[in-house]
Amino acid sequence: MTSAAWHLRSASGEQRIAMTDRGPYPCQTWAKVTAQYVTADLPVGLGDLRYFIEAEDRRGNVSRGALERIFLA
């Protein structure tokens, strides 16, 4: 993975928040392959919004998650 981001849609508009790559996902079973562990600091107080996550791999392939709903108090 080369990049990942949250795309937030609220009544006030849309914003993109980049995610930070924290390296391989912690695994205690010594698997040879694990997912990447990514995090993001989401803004407080946006209220009810919709979001999707978008990621791009090293070959330029882009993947987008389903449009979901979340409430940020």
C-alpha atoms as a PDB file:
ATOM      1  CA  MET A   1       0.000   0.000   0.000  1.00  0.00           C
ATOM      2  CA  THR A   2       1.325   3.431  -0.881  1.00  0.00           C
ATOM      3  CA  SER A   3      -1.496   5.583   0.496  1.00  0.00           C
ATOM      4  CA  ALA A   4      -4.840   5.458   2.292  1.00  0.00           C
ATOM      5  CA  ALA A   5      -7.352   8.171   3.179  1.00  0.00           C
ATOM      6  CA  TRP A   6     -10.752   8.765   4.742  1.00  0.00           C
ATOM      7  CA  HIS A   7     -13.217  10.747   2.605  1.00  0.00           C
ATOM      8  CA  LEU A   8     -15.741  12.426   4.906  1.00  0.00           C
ATOM      9  CA  ARG A   9     -19.018  13.906   3.616  1.00  0.00           C
ATOM     10  CA  SER A  10     -21.027  16.130   5.934  1.00  0.00           C
ATOM     11  CA  ALA A  11     -23.606  18.891   5.509  1.00  0.00           C
ATOM     12  CA  SER A  12     -20.732  21.398   5.360  1.00  0.00           C
ATOM     13  CA  GLY A  13     -18.956  19.617   2.491  1.00  0.00           C
ATOM     14  CA  GLU A  14     -16.381  16.930   1.832  1.00  0.00           C
ATOM     15  CA  GLN A  15     -12.880  16.553   3.209  1.00  0.00           C
ATOM     16  CA  ARG A  16     -10.046  14.068   2.753  1.00  0.00           C
ATOM     17  CA  ILE A  17      -7.968  12.912   5.729  1.00  0.00           C
ATOM     18  CA  ALA A  18      -4.762  11.016   5.012  1.00  0.00           C
ATOM     19  CA  MET A  19      -4.064   7.880   7.033  1.00  0.00           C
ATOM     20  CA  THR A  20      -0.684   7.146   8.619  1.00  0.00           C
ATOM     21  CA  ASP A  21       1.004   3.822   7.838  1.00  0.00           C
ATOM     22  CA  ARG A  22       2.112   2.230  11.118  1.00  0.00           C
ATOM     23  CA  GLY A  23       3.762  -0.797   9.483  1.00  0.00           C
ATOM     24  CA  PRO A  24       2.586  -4.409   9.481  1.00  0.00           C
ATOM     25  CA  TYR A  25      -0.501  -5.143  11.554  1.00  0.00           C
ATOM     26  CA  PRO A  26       0.566  -6.612  14.901  1.00  0.00           C
ATOM     27  CA  CYS A  27       0.364 -10.401  14.747  1.00  0.00           C
ATOM     28  CA  GLN A  28       1.086 -12.891  17.504  1.00  0.00           C
ATOM     29  CA  THR A  29       0.752 -16.003  15.312  1.00  0.00           C
ATOM     30  CA  TRP A  30       3.933 -15.322  13.308  1.00  0.00           C
ATOM     31  CA  ALA A  31       2.094 -15.212   9.978  1.00  0.00           C
ATOM     32  CA  LYS A  32       4.317 -14.626   6.952  1.00  0.00           C
ATOM     33  CA  VAL A  33       1.906 -12.047   5.498  1.00  0.00           C
ATOM     34  CA  THR A  34      -0.192  -9.517   7.421  1.00  0.00           C
ATOM     35  CA  ALA A  35      -2.127  -6.391   6.537  1.00  0.00           C
ATOM     36  CA  GLN A  36      -0.747  -2.899   6.989  1.00  0.00           C
ATOM     37  CA  TYR A  37      -1.816  -1.090  10.174  1.00  0.00           C
ATOM     38  CA  VAL A  38      -3.061   2.408   9.307  1.00  0.00           C
ATOM     39  CA  THR A  39      -4.568   5.081  11.559  1.00  0.00           C
ATOM     40  CA  ALA A  40      -6.063   8.572  11.187  1.00  0.00           C
ATOM     41  CA  ASP A  41      -6.989  11.374  13.560  1.00  0.00           C
ATOM     42  CA  LEU A  42     -10.629  12.188  12.851  1.00  0.00           C
ATOM     43  CA  PRO A  43     -11.988  15.670  13.654  1.00  0.00           C
ATOM     44  CA  VAL A  44     -14.209  16.029  16.706  1.00  0.00           C
ATOM     45  CA  GLY A  45     -17.719  17.426  16.507  1.00  0.00           C
ATOM     46  CA  LEU A  46     -18.617  16.937  12.838  1.00  0.00           C
ATOM     47  CA  GLY A  47     -21.802  15.122  13.812  1.00  0.00           C
ATOM     48  CA  ASP A  48     -23.603  12.805  11.400  1.00  0.00           C
ATOM     49  CA  LEU A  49     -21.614  12.119   8.243  1.00  0.00           C
ATOM     50  CA  ARG A  50     -20.917   9.568   5.557  1.00  0.00           C
ATOM     51  CA  TYR A  51     -17.468   8.246   4.725  1.00  0.00           C
ATOM     52  CA  PHE A  52     -15.516   5.827   2.603  1.00  0.00           C
ATOM     53  CA  ILE A  53     -11.886   4.738   2.732  1.00  0.00           C
ATOM     54  CA  GLU A  54      -9.684   4.755  -0.345  1.00  0.00           C
ATOM     55  CA  ALA A  55      -6.291   3.014  -0.660  1.00  0.00           C
ATOM     56  CA  GLU A  56      -3.702   2.679  -3.422  1.00  0.00           C
ATOM     57  CA  ASP A  57      -1.138  -0.105  -3.754  1.00  0.00           C
ATOM     58  CA  ARG A  58       2.403  -0.005  -5.163  1.00  0.00           C
ATOM     59  CA  ARG A  59       1.144  -0.816  -8.677  1.00  0.00           C
ATOM     60  CA  GLY A  60      -1.324   2.065  -8.833  1.00  0.00           C
ATOM     61  CA  ASN A  61      -4.447  -0.009  -8.149  1.00  0.00           C
ATOM     62  CA  VAL A  62      -7.034   2.002  -6.217  1.00  0.00           C
ATOM     63  CA  SER A  63      -9.567   0.374  -3.900  1.00  0.00           C
ATOM     64  CA  ARG A  64     -12.557   2.118  -2.310  1.00  0.00           C
ATOM     65  CA  GLY A  65     -14.697   0.886   0.545  1.00  0.00           C
ATOM     66  CA  ALA A  66     -18.482   1.125   0.666  1.00  0.00           C
ATOM     67  CA  LEU A  67     -20.109   4.399   1.682  1.00  0.00           C
ATOM     68  CA  GLU A  68     -20.762   4.105   5.431  1.00  0.00           C
ATOM     69  CA  ARG A  69     -22.240   6.329   8.114  1.00  0.00           C
ATOM     70  CA  ILE A  70     -20.694   7.532  11.390  1.00  0.00           C
ATOM     71  CA  PHE A  71     -21.396  10.140  14.083  1.00  0.00           C
ATOM     72  CA  LEU A  72     -18.432  12.129  15.435  1.00  0.00           C
ATOM     73  CA  ALA A  73     -19.406  13.762  18.722  1.00  0.00           C
END
